[in-house]
């Protein structure tokens, strides 16, 4: 299938089901708040390297975590008993996204470019994104950030400054989401790490049903 080219001055996307087999749907456009909200509301997200144009993705098979099904391993249960752990929400969004960026830049590389950082900070300033920071024994240990629309959370990236820092953030945040009746954490792509914590594949049809909670 052809990849659709978007114009910067028109906020739209083609039908998400027209994405290629690898999930690529469109190229171009911009990272405005309006376009990002439209994208996430339809299961589309940006992901591209520093020197490439903006690429928009919509995999037909989705990988999510249901907050009520977050898996806490026996080793993590012992860890929670041994340490004083807690999370804060929106401690410092800009700092958290930058930590996610720098951690990846020095290991596997990152898609969090200057423009991406600025775009998600704008989302946060419009109450459309949030950050979560974990603390272990009083010290900042890790965190994550993502887009929050309705009862759906779209995870973008995580970081750890201490052992289990990002795990603590994800586990405790999942419990928070469950208490607030959220239906999913969209993981975007599969990783063995996220699968071990309860991640699962669902069909596009079921995913669309979950997206309906954005407007509820």
N, C-alpha and C. Protein backbone atom coordinates (compact mmCIF):
# COMPACT_ATOMS: atom_id res chain seq x y z
N UNK A 1 0.83 -1.21 0.00
CA UNK A 1 0.00 0.00 0.00
C UNK A 1 0.86 1.25 0.00
N UNK A 2 0.33 2.32 -0.56
CA UNK A 2 1.05 3.58 -0.60
C UNK A 2 1.07 4.24 0.77
N UNK A 3 2.15 4.95 1.07
CA UNK A 3 2.23 5.72 2.30
C UNK A 3 1.74 7.13 1.99
N UNK A 4 0.80 7.62 2.78
CA UNK A 4 0.17 8.90 2.50
C UNK A 4 1.06 10.05 2.97
N UNK A 5 1.10 11.11 2.15
CA UNK A 5 1.87 12.30 2.50
C UNK A 5 0.92 13.36 3.05
N UNK A 6 1.23 13.86 4.24
CA UNK A 6 0.39 14.83 4.91
C UNK A 6 0.89 16.25 4.66
N UNK A 7 -0.03 17.20 4.67
CA UNK A 7 0.31 18.60 4.54
C UNK A 7 0.32 19.26 5.92
N UNK A 8 1.22 20.21 6.12
CA UNK A 8 1.35 20.85 7.43
C UNK A 8 0.13 21.70 7.78
N UNK A 9 -0.53 22.28 6.80
CA UNK A 9 -1.62 23.21 7.08
C UNK A 9 -2.99 22.54 7.08
N UNK A 10 -3.04 21.22 7.00
CA UNK A 10 -4.31 20.49 7.06
C UNK A 10 -4.20 19.39 8.11
N UNK A 11 -5.08 19.44 9.12
CA UNK A 11 -5.04 18.45 10.21
C UNK A 11 -5.96 17.30 9.85
N UNK A 12 -5.39 16.22 9.36
CA UNK A 12 -6.17 15.05 8.98
C UNK A 12 -5.25 13.84 8.92
N UNK A 13 -5.85 12.65 8.88
CA UNK A 13 -5.13 11.40 8.63
C UNK A 13 -5.98 10.52 7.73
N UNK A 14 -5.35 9.69 6.93
CA UNK A 14 -6.12 8.71 6.16
C UNK A 14 -6.69 7.64 7.11
N UNK A 15 -7.56 6.83 6.60
CA UNK A 15 -8.14 5.72 7.37
C UNK A 15 -7.02 4.88 7.98
N UNK A 16 -7.00 4.69 9.30
CA UNK A 16 -5.92 3.93 9.94
C UNK A 16 -5.74 2.52 9.40
N UNK A 17 -6.81 1.92 8.88
CA UNK A 17 -6.70 0.55 8.38
C UNK A 17 -5.91 0.48 7.07
N UNK A 18 -5.56 1.63 6.51
CA UNK A 18 -4.79 1.66 5.26
C UNK A 18 -3.28 1.61 5.51
N UNK A 19 -2.88 1.45 6.75
CA UNK A 19 -1.45 1.35 7.07
C UNK A 19 -0.83 0.14 6.40
N UNK A 20 0.47 0.24 6.07
CA UNK A 20 1.20 -0.90 5.52
C UNK A 20 1.25 -2.05 6.52
N UNK A 21 1.70 -3.20 6.06
CA UNK A 21 1.78 -4.36 6.93
C UNK A 21 2.68 -4.13 8.14
N UNK A 22 3.68 -3.26 7.98
CA UNK A 22 4.56 -2.97 9.11
C UNK A 22 3.99 -1.88 10.02
N UNK A 23 2.84 -1.33 9.64
CA UNK A 23 2.17 -0.33 10.47
C UNK A 23 2.35 1.10 10.03
N UNK A 24 3.22 1.36 9.05
CA UNK A 24 3.44 2.73 8.59
C UNK A 24 2.22 3.22 7.81
N UNK A 25 1.70 4.39 8.22
CA UNK A 25 0.49 4.92 7.61
C UNK A 25 0.75 6.18 6.77
N UNK A 26 1.54 7.11 7.32
CA UNK A 26 1.68 8.40 6.65
C UNK A 26 3.03 9.02 6.98
N UNK A 27 3.38 10.02 6.19
CA UNK A 27 4.63 10.75 6.39
C UNK A 27 4.35 12.24 6.26
N UNK A 28 5.04 13.06 7.06
CA UNK A 28 4.89 14.50 6.94
C UNK A 28 3.98 15.08 7.99
N UNK A 29 3.41 16.24 7.66
CA UNK A 29 2.57 16.94 8.63
C UNK A 29 3.41 17.67 9.66
N UNK A 30 2.88 17.79 10.87
CA UNK A 30 3.59 18.46 11.94
C UNK A 30 3.28 17.77 13.27
N UNK A 31 3.83 18.33 14.35
CA UNK A 31 3.62 17.76 15.69
C UNK A 31 2.79 18.71 16.54
N UNK A 32 1.83 19.37 15.93
CA UNK A 32 0.96 20.28 16.68
C UNK A 32 0.09 19.49 17.65
N UNK A 33 -0.38 20.17 18.69
CA UNK A 33 -1.27 19.53 19.66
C UNK A 33 -2.50 18.96 18.97
N UNK A 34 -3.08 19.72 18.05
CA UNK A 34 -4.30 19.28 17.37
C UNK A 34 -4.06 18.00 16.59
N UNK A 35 -2.93 17.91 15.88
CA UNK A 35 -2.66 16.72 15.08
C UNK A 35 -2.36 15.52 15.99
N UNK A 36 -1.62 15.75 17.06
CA UNK A 36 -1.29 14.65 17.97
C UNK A 36 -2.55 14.09 18.64
N UNK A 37 -3.46 14.96 19.04
CA UNK A 37 -4.71 14.49 19.65
C UNK A 37 -5.51 13.68 18.64
N UNK A 38 -5.61 14.16 17.41
CA UNK A 38 -6.32 13.42 16.37
C UNK A 38 -5.66 12.07 16.13
N UNK A 39 -4.33 12.06 16.12
CA UNK A 39 -3.60 10.81 15.88
C UNK A 39 -3.89 9.79 16.97
N UNK A 40 -3.63 10.14 18.20
CA UNK A 40 -3.81 9.17 19.29
C UNK A 40 -5.25 8.73 19.43
N UNK A 41 -6.18 9.62 19.17
CA UNK A 41 -7.61 9.27 19.26
C UNK A 41 -7.99 8.21 18.24
N UNK A 42 -7.16 8.04 17.21
CA UNK A 42 -7.43 7.07 16.15
C UNK A 42 -6.39 5.95 16.11
N UNK A 43 -5.62 5.82 17.19
CA UNK A 43 -4.65 4.73 17.26
C UNK A 43 -3.38 4.96 16.48
N UNK A 44 -3.07 6.20 16.16
CA UNK A 44 -1.91 6.55 15.34
C UNK A 44 -0.89 7.27 16.23
N UNK A 45 0.38 7.04 16.00
CA UNK A 45 1.40 7.73 16.79
C UNK A 45 2.63 8.02 15.93
N UNK A 46 3.39 9.08 16.28
CA UNK A 46 4.61 9.40 15.53
C UNK A 46 5.80 8.64 16.09
N UNK A 47 6.69 8.23 15.19
CA UNK A 47 7.92 7.54 15.60
C UNK A 47 8.89 7.63 14.43
N UNK A 48 9.99 8.35 14.64
CA UNK A 48 10.92 8.58 13.54
C UNK A 48 12.28 8.98 14.11
N UNK A 49 13.30 8.85 13.30
CA UNK A 49 14.65 9.21 13.71
C UNK A 49 14.93 10.69 13.45
N UNK A 50 16.01 11.17 14.00
CA UNK A 50 16.35 12.60 13.96
C UNK A 50 16.43 13.13 12.53
N UNK A 51 17.00 12.38 11.62
CA UNK A 51 17.24 12.89 10.27
C UNK A 51 16.19 12.46 9.26
N UNK A 52 15.07 11.93 9.73
CA UNK A 52 14.01 11.49 8.81
C UNK A 52 12.80 12.40 8.94
N UNK A 53 11.90 12.38 7.96
CA UNK A 53 10.65 13.13 8.10
C UNK A 53 9.79 12.51 9.20
N UNK A 54 8.72 13.20 9.59
CA UNK A 54 7.81 12.66 10.61
C UNK A 54 7.10 11.45 10.01
N UNK A 55 7.16 10.33 10.71
CA UNK A 55 6.49 9.10 10.29
C UNK A 55 5.36 8.78 11.27
N UNK A 56 4.22 8.40 10.72
CA UNK A 56 3.04 8.10 11.54
C UNK A 56 2.69 6.62 11.40
N UNK A 57 2.47 5.95 12.53
CA UNK A 57 2.30 4.50 12.56
C UNK A 57 0.94 4.10 13.14
N UNK A 58 0.43 3.00 12.63
CA UNK A 58 -0.81 2.44 13.16
C UNK A 58 -0.82 0.93 12.92
N UNK A 59 -0.10 0.16 13.76
CA UNK A 59 -0.07 -1.30 13.59
C UNK A 59 -1.47 -1.89 13.70
N UNK A 60 -1.75 -2.89 12.91
CA UNK A 60 -3.08 -3.50 12.92
C UNK A 60 -3.28 -4.41 14.12
N UNK A 61 -2.19 -4.96 14.63
CA UNK A 61 -2.25 -5.74 15.87
C UNK A 61 -1.62 -4.89 16.96
N UNK A 62 -2.33 -4.72 18.08
CA UNK A 62 -1.89 -3.77 19.10
C UNK A 62 -1.37 -4.50 20.34
N UNK A 63 -0.43 -3.84 21.02
CA UNK A 63 0.17 -4.42 22.23
C UNK A 63 -0.14 -3.48 23.39
N UNK A 64 -0.88 -3.99 24.37
CA UNK A 64 -1.34 -3.16 25.48
C UNK A 64 -1.12 -3.86 26.82
N UNK A 65 -1.24 -3.07 27.88
CA UNK A 65 -1.35 -3.62 29.24
C UNK A 65 -2.68 -3.13 29.80
N UNK A 66 -3.48 -4.07 30.29
CA UNK A 66 -4.69 -3.69 31.00
C UNK A 66 -4.29 -3.39 32.44
N UNK A 67 -4.60 -2.20 32.96
CA UNK A 67 -4.13 -1.83 34.30
C UNK A 67 -4.43 -2.86 35.37
N UNK A 68 -5.59 -3.50 35.27
CA UNK A 68 -5.97 -4.48 36.29
C UNK A 68 -5.20 -5.80 36.16
N UNK A 69 -4.46 -5.94 35.04
CA UNK A 69 -3.73 -7.19 34.82
C UNK A 69 -2.21 -6.99 34.86
N UNK A 70 -1.76 -5.87 35.42
CA UNK A 70 -0.32 -5.67 35.55
C UNK A 70 0.27 -6.83 36.35
N UNK A 71 1.34 -7.41 35.85
CA UNK A 71 1.95 -8.57 36.52
C UNK A 71 3.09 -8.11 37.42
N UNK A 72 3.00 -8.52 38.68
CA UNK A 72 4.06 -8.21 39.65
C UNK A 72 4.74 -9.53 40.00
N UNK A 73 5.98 -9.68 39.58
CA UNK A 73 6.72 -10.93 39.81
C UNK A 73 6.99 -11.11 41.29
N UNK A 74 7.33 -12.34 41.67
CA UNK A 74 7.63 -12.63 43.06
C UNK A 74 8.84 -11.82 43.55
N UNK A 75 9.80 -11.62 42.66
CA UNK A 75 10.98 -10.84 43.05
C UNK A 75 10.62 -9.38 43.29
N UNK A 76 9.67 -8.84 42.49
CA UNK A 76 9.25 -7.47 42.69
C UNK A 76 8.41 -7.34 43.96
N UNK A 77 7.62 -8.34 44.27
CA UNK A 77 6.85 -8.31 45.52
C UNK A 77 7.79 -8.24 46.72
N UNK A 78 8.87 -9.01 46.65
CA UNK A 78 9.87 -8.96 47.73
C UNK A 78 10.54 -7.59 47.79
N UNK A 79 10.79 -7.02 46.60
CA UNK A 79 11.42 -5.71 46.53
C UNK A 79 10.53 -4.65 47.19
N UNK A 80 9.22 -4.71 46.93
CA UNK A 80 8.29 -3.76 47.51
C UNK A 80 8.26 -3.87 49.03
N UNK A 81 8.38 -5.08 49.54
CA UNK A 81 8.36 -5.28 50.99
C UNK A 81 9.64 -4.77 51.64
N UNK A 82 10.73 -4.83 50.90
CA UNK A 82 12.04 -4.47 51.45
C UNK A 82 12.29 -2.97 51.42
N UNK A 83 11.65 -2.25 50.49
CA UNK A 83 11.95 -0.84 50.29
C UNK A 83 10.70 0.03 50.45
N UNK A 84 10.95 1.29 50.74
CA UNK A 84 9.88 2.29 50.77
C UNK A 84 9.74 2.83 49.34
N UNK A 85 8.64 2.51 48.68
CA UNK A 85 8.46 2.91 47.28
C UNK A 85 7.16 3.69 47.11
N UNK A 86 7.19 4.68 46.23
CA UNK A 86 5.99 5.44 45.91
C UNK A 86 6.22 6.17 44.60
N UNK A 87 5.16 6.74 44.05
CA UNK A 87 5.27 7.51 42.81
C UNK A 87 4.70 8.90 43.01
N UNK A 88 5.13 9.81 42.16
CA UNK A 88 4.53 11.13 42.04
C UNK A 88 4.14 11.32 40.58
N UNK A 89 3.06 12.01 40.37
CA UNK A 89 2.60 12.29 39.01
C UNK A 89 2.87 13.76 38.70
N UNK A 90 3.52 13.98 37.56
CA UNK A 90 3.86 15.32 37.10
C UNK A 90 4.79 16.06 38.07
N UNK A 91 5.74 15.34 38.64
CA UNK A 91 6.78 16.00 39.44
C UNK A 91 7.49 17.06 38.61
N UNK A 92 7.89 16.66 37.39
CA UNK A 92 8.58 17.58 36.48
C UNK A 92 8.58 16.93 35.11
N UNK A 93 7.53 17.22 34.32
CA UNK A 93 7.35 16.54 33.04
C UNK A 93 8.56 16.74 32.13
N UNK A 94 9.02 17.99 32.00
CA UNK A 94 10.13 18.28 31.10
C UNK A 94 11.39 17.52 31.50
N UNK A 95 11.63 17.43 32.79
CA UNK A 95 12.80 16.70 33.27
C UNK A 95 12.67 15.21 32.96
N UNK A 96 11.48 14.65 33.15
CA UNK A 96 11.28 13.23 32.93
C UNK A 96 11.45 12.85 31.46
N UNK A 97 10.85 13.62 30.56
CA UNK A 97 11.00 13.29 29.14
C UNK A 97 12.47 13.44 28.73
N UNK A 98 13.17 14.41 29.30
CA UNK A 98 14.58 14.58 28.94
C UNK A 98 15.41 13.43 29.49
N UNK A 99 15.09 12.95 30.67
CA UNK A 99 15.80 11.79 31.22
C UNK A 99 15.56 10.56 30.34
N UNK A 100 14.32 10.38 29.88
CA UNK A 100 14.03 9.26 28.97
C UNK A 100 14.88 9.38 27.71
N UNK A 101 15.01 10.59 27.21
CA UNK A 101 15.79 10.82 25.99
C UNK A 101 17.27 10.50 26.20
N UNK A 102 17.85 11.07 27.25
CA UNK A 102 19.30 10.91 27.44
C UNK A 102 19.67 9.48 27.79
N UNK A 103 18.82 8.78 28.52
CA UNK A 103 19.13 7.38 28.85
C UNK A 103 19.24 6.55 27.58
N UNK A 104 18.34 6.80 26.63
CA UNK A 104 18.34 6.02 25.39
C UNK A 104 19.46 6.46 24.45
N UNK A 105 19.74 7.76 24.43
CA UNK A 105 20.77 8.28 23.52
C UNK A 105 22.12 7.61 23.77
N UNK A 106 22.41 7.30 25.02
CA UNK A 106 23.71 6.74 25.36
C UNK A 106 23.72 5.21 25.37
N UNK A 107 22.57 4.59 25.00
CA UNK A 107 22.50 3.12 24.96
C UNK A 107 22.08 2.64 23.58
N UNK A 108 20.77 2.70 23.29
CA UNK A 108 20.26 2.12 22.04
C UNK A 108 19.86 3.17 21.02
N UNK A 109 20.01 4.46 21.36
CA UNK A 109 19.54 5.50 20.45
C UNK A 109 18.11 5.90 20.77
N UNK A 110 17.70 7.07 20.32
CA UNK A 110 16.38 7.57 20.70
C UNK A 110 15.66 8.23 19.53
N UNK A 111 14.34 8.18 19.58
CA UNK A 111 13.48 8.90 18.65
C UNK A 111 13.01 10.23 19.29
N UNK A 112 13.40 10.49 20.53
CA UNK A 112 12.96 11.70 21.22
C UNK A 112 13.86 12.85 20.80
N UNK A 113 13.53 13.45 19.70
CA UNK A 113 14.30 14.58 19.16
C UNK A 113 13.91 15.87 19.88
N UNK A 114 14.60 16.96 19.55
CA UNK A 114 14.23 18.26 20.12
C UNK A 114 12.77 18.58 19.83
N UNK A 115 12.34 18.34 18.59
CA UNK A 115 10.96 18.64 18.22
C UNK A 115 9.97 17.77 18.97
N UNK A 116 10.32 16.50 19.18
CA UNK A 116 9.43 15.61 19.93
C UNK A 116 9.32 16.07 21.39
N UNK A 117 10.45 16.42 21.98
CA UNK A 117 10.41 16.92 23.36
C UNK A 117 9.48 18.12 23.47
N UNK A 118 9.65 19.08 22.58
CA UNK A 118 8.83 20.29 22.62
C UNK A 118 7.35 19.96 22.40
N UNK A 119 7.08 19.02 21.50
CA UNK A 119 5.70 18.66 21.18
C UNK A 119 4.98 18.06 22.38
N UNK A 120 5.65 17.17 23.10
CA UNK A 120 4.99 16.51 24.22
C UNK A 120 4.93 17.42 25.45
N UNK A 121 5.85 18.35 25.56
CA UNK A 121 5.74 19.36 26.61
C UNK A 121 4.51 20.23 26.35
N UNK A 122 4.26 20.55 25.08
CA UNK A 122 3.03 21.30 24.74
C UNK A 122 1.80 20.47 25.09
N UNK A 123 1.84 19.18 24.84
CA UNK A 123 0.72 18.31 25.21
C UNK A 123 0.50 18.36 26.72
N UNK A 124 1.58 18.28 27.47
CA UNK A 124 1.48 18.35 28.93
C UNK A 124 0.89 19.69 29.37
N UNK A 125 1.34 20.76 28.76
CA UNK A 125 0.83 22.09 29.13
C UNK A 125 -0.66 22.24 28.83
N UNK A 126 -1.17 21.39 27.94
CA UNK A 126 -2.60 21.38 27.62
C UNK A 126 -3.35 20.25 28.33
N UNK A 127 -2.71 19.69 29.38
CA UNK A 127 -3.32 18.62 30.19
C UNK A 127 -3.66 17.39 29.36
N UNK A 128 -2.83 17.09 28.36
CA UNK A 128 -3.05 15.95 27.48
C UNK A 128 -1.93 14.91 27.59
N UNK A 129 -0.99 15.16 28.46
CA UNK A 129 0.11 14.22 28.70
C UNK A 129 0.51 14.34 30.16
N UNK A 130 1.14 13.30 30.68
CA UNK A 130 1.60 13.35 32.06
C UNK A 130 2.86 12.52 32.23
N UNK A 131 3.54 12.79 33.33
CA UNK A 131 4.73 12.02 33.68
C UNK A 131 4.52 11.36 35.03
N UNK A 132 5.21 10.26 35.23
CA UNK A 132 5.16 9.52 36.49
C UNK A 132 6.59 9.29 36.94
N UNK A 133 6.87 9.61 38.20
CA UNK A 133 8.21 9.42 38.73
C UNK A 133 8.16 8.50 39.94
N UNK A 134 9.08 7.56 40.00
CA UNK A 134 9.11 6.61 41.11
C UNK A 134 10.23 6.98 42.07
N UNK A 135 9.99 6.67 43.34
CA UNK A 135 10.98 6.91 44.39
C UNK A 135 11.21 5.62 45.16
N UNK A 136 12.46 5.33 45.42
CA UNK A 136 12.84 4.17 46.22
C UNK A 136 13.67 4.68 47.39
N UNK A 137 13.15 4.45 48.58
CA UNK A 137 13.82 4.91 49.81
C UNK A 137 14.15 6.40 49.74
N UNK A 138 13.20 7.16 49.22
CA UNK A 138 13.32 8.62 49.20
C UNK A 138 14.10 9.20 48.04
N UNK A 139 14.63 8.36 47.15
CA UNK A 139 15.44 8.85 46.04
C UNK A 139 14.71 8.64 44.71
N UNK A 140 14.83 9.62 43.80
CA UNK A 140 14.25 9.48 42.47
C UNK A 140 14.88 8.27 41.79
N UNK A 141 14.05 7.32 41.37
CA UNK A 141 14.56 6.05 40.86
C UNK A 141 14.27 5.82 39.39
N UNK A 142 13.21 6.40 38.88
CA UNK A 142 12.84 6.16 37.48
C UNK A 142 11.56 6.89 37.14
N UNK A 143 11.07 6.66 35.95
CA UNK A 143 9.84 7.30 35.56
C UNK A 143 9.42 6.96 34.15
N UNK A 144 8.31 7.54 33.74
CA UNK A 144 7.76 7.34 32.40
C UNK A 144 6.90 8.55 32.06
N UNK A 145 6.57 8.65 30.77
CA UNK A 145 5.65 9.71 30.35
C UNK A 145 4.81 9.19 29.19
N UNK A 146 3.70 9.85 28.95
CA UNK A 146 2.84 9.45 27.85
C UNK A 146 1.66 10.38 27.69
N UNK A 147 0.84 10.08 26.71
CA UNK A 147 -0.36 10.85 26.40
C UNK A 147 -1.54 10.27 27.15
N UNK A 148 -2.37 11.15 27.70
CA UNK A 148 -3.52 10.71 28.49
C UNK A 148 -4.79 11.34 27.91
N UNK A 149 -5.64 10.48 27.33
CA UNK A 149 -6.88 10.94 26.72
C UNK A 149 -8.03 10.08 27.24
N UNK A 150 -9.04 10.71 27.83
CA UNK A 150 -10.15 9.95 28.37
C UNK A 150 -9.66 8.93 29.37
N UNK A 151 -10.02 7.67 29.16
CA UNK A 151 -9.61 6.58 30.04
C UNK A 151 -8.53 5.72 29.39
N UNK A 152 -7.76 6.31 28.48
CA UNK A 152 -6.69 5.60 27.80
C UNK A 152 -5.36 6.33 28.04
N UNK A 153 -4.32 5.55 28.35
CA UNK A 153 -2.98 6.12 28.50
C UNK A 153 -2.08 5.51 27.44
N UNK A 154 -1.36 6.35 26.73
CA UNK A 154 -0.49 5.93 25.64
C UNK A 154 0.96 6.12 26.08
N UNK A 155 1.61 5.05 26.49
CA UNK A 155 2.96 5.15 27.00
C UNK A 155 3.96 5.47 25.91
N UNK A 156 4.89 6.37 26.20
CA UNK A 156 5.89 6.78 25.22
C UNK A 156 7.29 6.25 25.55
N UNK A 157 7.77 6.46 26.76
CA UNK A 157 9.12 6.00 27.10
C UNK A 157 9.28 5.95 28.61
N UNK A 158 10.31 5.22 29.06
CA UNK A 158 10.60 5.07 30.48
C UNK A 158 12.10 5.27 30.71
N UNK A 159 12.45 5.55 31.96
CA UNK A 159 13.86 5.60 32.32
C UNK A 159 14.05 5.02 33.72
N UNK A 160 15.24 4.55 34.01
CA UNK A 160 15.60 4.08 35.34
C UNK A 160 16.94 4.69 35.74
N UNK A 161 16.98 5.28 36.93
CA UNK A 161 18.23 5.75 37.51
C UNK A 161 18.70 4.82 38.62
N UNK A 162 17.78 3.93 39.05
CA UNK A 162 18.10 2.93 40.06
C UNK A 162 17.50 1.60 39.63
N UNK A 163 18.00 0.53 40.17
CA UNK A 163 17.46 -0.80 39.85
C UNK A 163 15.96 -0.83 40.12
N UNK A 164 15.19 -1.31 39.13
CA UNK A 164 13.74 -1.45 39.22
C UNK A 164 12.99 -0.12 39.21
N UNK A 165 13.68 0.96 38.90
CA UNK A 165 13.04 2.27 38.92
C UNK A 165 11.84 2.38 37.99
N UNK A 166 12.00 1.94 36.74
CA UNK A 166 10.89 2.04 35.79
C UNK A 166 9.80 1.02 36.10
N UNK A 167 10.19 -0.14 36.64
CA UNK A 167 9.20 -1.15 37.02
C UNK A 167 8.29 -0.63 38.13
N UNK A 168 8.90 -0.01 39.13
CA UNK A 168 8.12 0.56 40.22
C UNK A 168 7.15 1.60 39.68
N UNK A 169 7.62 2.45 38.78
CA UNK A 169 6.76 3.48 38.19
C UNK A 169 5.57 2.86 37.46
N UNK A 170 5.84 1.85 36.64
CA UNK A 170 4.78 1.24 35.84
C UNK A 170 3.79 0.47 36.71
N UNK A 171 4.28 -0.27 37.68
CA UNK A 171 3.40 -1.07 38.53
C UNK A 171 2.48 -0.17 39.36
N UNK A 172 3.05 0.81 40.04
CA UNK A 172 2.23 1.67 40.89
C UNK A 172 1.32 2.58 40.07
N UNK A 173 1.79 3.01 38.90
CA UNK A 173 0.93 3.82 38.03
C UNK A 173 -0.24 2.99 37.51
N UNK A 174 0.00 1.73 37.20
CA UNK A 174 -1.08 0.85 36.75
C UNK A 174 -2.16 0.72 37.83
N UNK A 175 -1.74 0.63 39.07
CA UNK A 175 -2.71 0.56 40.17
C UNK A 175 -3.51 1.86 40.26
N UNK A 176 -2.83 2.98 40.04
CA UNK A 176 -3.52 4.27 40.02
C UNK A 176 -4.53 4.32 38.87
N UNK A 177 -4.13 3.84 37.69
CA UNK A 177 -5.05 3.84 36.55
C UNK A 177 -6.24 2.94 36.80
N UNK A 178 -6.01 1.80 37.42
CA UNK A 178 -7.12 0.88 37.74
C UNK A 178 -8.13 1.56 38.65
N UNK A 179 -7.64 2.26 39.67
CA UNK A 179 -8.53 2.95 40.61
C UNK A 179 -9.35 4.03 39.91
N UNK A 180 -8.82 4.55 38.80
CA UNK A 180 -9.51 5.61 38.06
C UNK A 180 -10.19 5.09 36.80
N UNK A 181 -10.38 3.78 36.74
CA UNK A 181 -11.17 3.13 35.67
C UNK A 181 -10.58 3.28 34.27
N UNK A 182 -9.26 3.39 34.17
CA UNK A 182 -8.64 3.39 32.85
C UNK A 182 -8.69 1.99 32.25
N UNK A 183 -8.82 1.93 30.92
CA UNK A 183 -9.03 0.64 30.27
C UNK A 183 -7.75 0.06 29.67
N UNK A 184 -6.73 0.91 29.43
CA UNK A 184 -5.51 0.35 28.84
C UNK A 184 -4.33 1.30 28.95
N UNK A 185 -3.17 0.68 28.91
CA UNK A 185 -1.91 1.38 28.63
C UNK A 185 -1.48 0.89 27.25
N UNK A 186 -1.49 1.77 26.27
CA UNK A 186 -1.05 1.40 24.93
C UNK A 186 0.48 1.40 24.92
N UNK A 187 1.06 0.24 24.69
CA UNK A 187 2.53 0.10 24.70
C UNK A 187 3.14 0.39 23.34
N UNK A 188 2.32 0.52 22.31
CA UNK A 188 2.75 0.79 20.94
C UNK A 188 3.49 -0.40 20.32
N UNK A 189 4.64 -0.77 20.86
CA UNK A 189 5.41 -1.89 20.32
C UNK A 189 5.66 -2.94 21.39
N UNK A 190 5.77 -4.17 20.95
CA UNK A 190 6.04 -5.28 21.86
C UNK A 190 7.49 -5.27 22.33
N UNK A 191 7.70 -5.52 23.61
CA UNK A 191 9.03 -5.85 24.14
C UNK A 191 8.85 -7.01 25.11
N UNK A 192 9.87 -7.82 25.25
CA UNK A 192 9.79 -8.93 26.20
C UNK A 192 9.59 -8.42 27.62
N UNK A 193 10.21 -7.28 27.92
CA UNK A 193 10.08 -6.68 29.26
C UNK A 193 8.62 -6.34 29.56
N UNK A 194 7.95 -5.68 28.61
CA UNK A 194 6.55 -5.31 28.83
C UNK A 194 5.64 -6.54 28.84
N UNK A 195 5.97 -7.53 28.04
CA UNK A 195 5.18 -8.76 28.05
C UNK A 195 5.27 -9.44 29.42
N UNK A 196 6.45 -9.41 30.02
CA UNK A 196 6.63 -10.03 31.34
C UNK A 196 5.84 -9.30 32.42
N UNK A 197 5.44 -8.06 32.14
CA UNK A 197 4.69 -7.28 33.11
C UNK A 197 3.19 -7.26 32.81
N UNK A 198 2.77 -8.11 31.88
CA UNK A 198 1.35 -8.23 31.61
C UNK A 198 0.91 -7.76 30.24
N UNK A 199 1.86 -7.35 29.40
CA UNK A 199 1.51 -6.90 28.06
C UNK A 199 0.92 -8.02 27.22
N UNK A 200 -0.03 -7.66 26.36
CA UNK A 200 -0.69 -8.66 25.51
C UNK A 200 -1.06 -8.05 24.17
N UNK A 201 -1.11 -8.88 23.15
CA UNK A 201 -1.58 -8.46 21.84
C UNK A 201 -3.10 -8.53 21.79
N UNK A 202 -3.71 -7.54 21.15
CA UNK A 202 -5.15 -7.59 20.89
C UNK A 202 -5.38 -7.20 19.44
N UNK A 203 -6.56 -7.52 18.94
CA UNK A 203 -6.89 -7.22 17.55
C UNK A 203 -7.20 -5.73 17.39
N UNK A 204 -7.15 -5.28 16.15
CA UNK A 204 -7.50 -3.90 15.84
C UNK A 204 -8.94 -3.61 16.25
N UNK A 205 -9.84 -4.58 16.07
CA UNK A 205 -11.25 -4.38 16.41
C UNK A 205 -11.41 -4.14 17.91
N UNK A 206 -10.72 -4.95 18.72
CA UNK A 206 -10.82 -4.76 20.17
C UNK A 206 -10.17 -3.45 20.59
N UNK A 207 -9.07 -3.11 19.95
CA UNK A 207 -8.37 -1.87 20.25
C UNK A 207 -9.28 -0.66 19.98
N UNK A 208 -10.00 -0.70 18.86
CA UNK A 208 -10.92 0.40 18.53
C UNK A 208 -11.98 0.55 19.61
N UNK A 209 -12.44 -0.57 20.16
CA UNK A 209 -13.43 -0.52 21.23
C UNK A 209 -12.86 0.19 22.45
N UNK A 210 -11.60 -0.10 22.77
CA UNK A 210 -10.96 0.56 23.90
C UNK A 210 -10.80 2.06 23.63
N UNK A 211 -10.49 2.42 22.39
CA UNK A 211 -10.34 3.83 22.04
C UNK A 211 -11.64 4.61 22.24
N UNK A 212 -12.76 3.94 22.20
CA UNK A 212 -14.03 4.63 22.40
C UNK A 212 -14.11 5.25 23.79
N UNK A 213 -13.28 4.78 24.72
CA UNK A 213 -13.27 5.33 26.08
C UNK A 213 -12.62 6.71 26.14
N UNK A 214 -12.02 7.15 25.04
CA UNK A 214 -11.47 8.51 25.01
C UNK A 214 -12.59 9.53 25.11
N UNK A 215 -13.71 9.24 24.52
CA UNK A 215 -14.80 10.20 24.49
C UNK A 215 -15.79 10.00 25.62
N UNK A 216 -15.62 8.95 26.43
CA UNK A 216 -16.55 8.68 27.53
C UNK A 216 -16.24 9.53 28.75
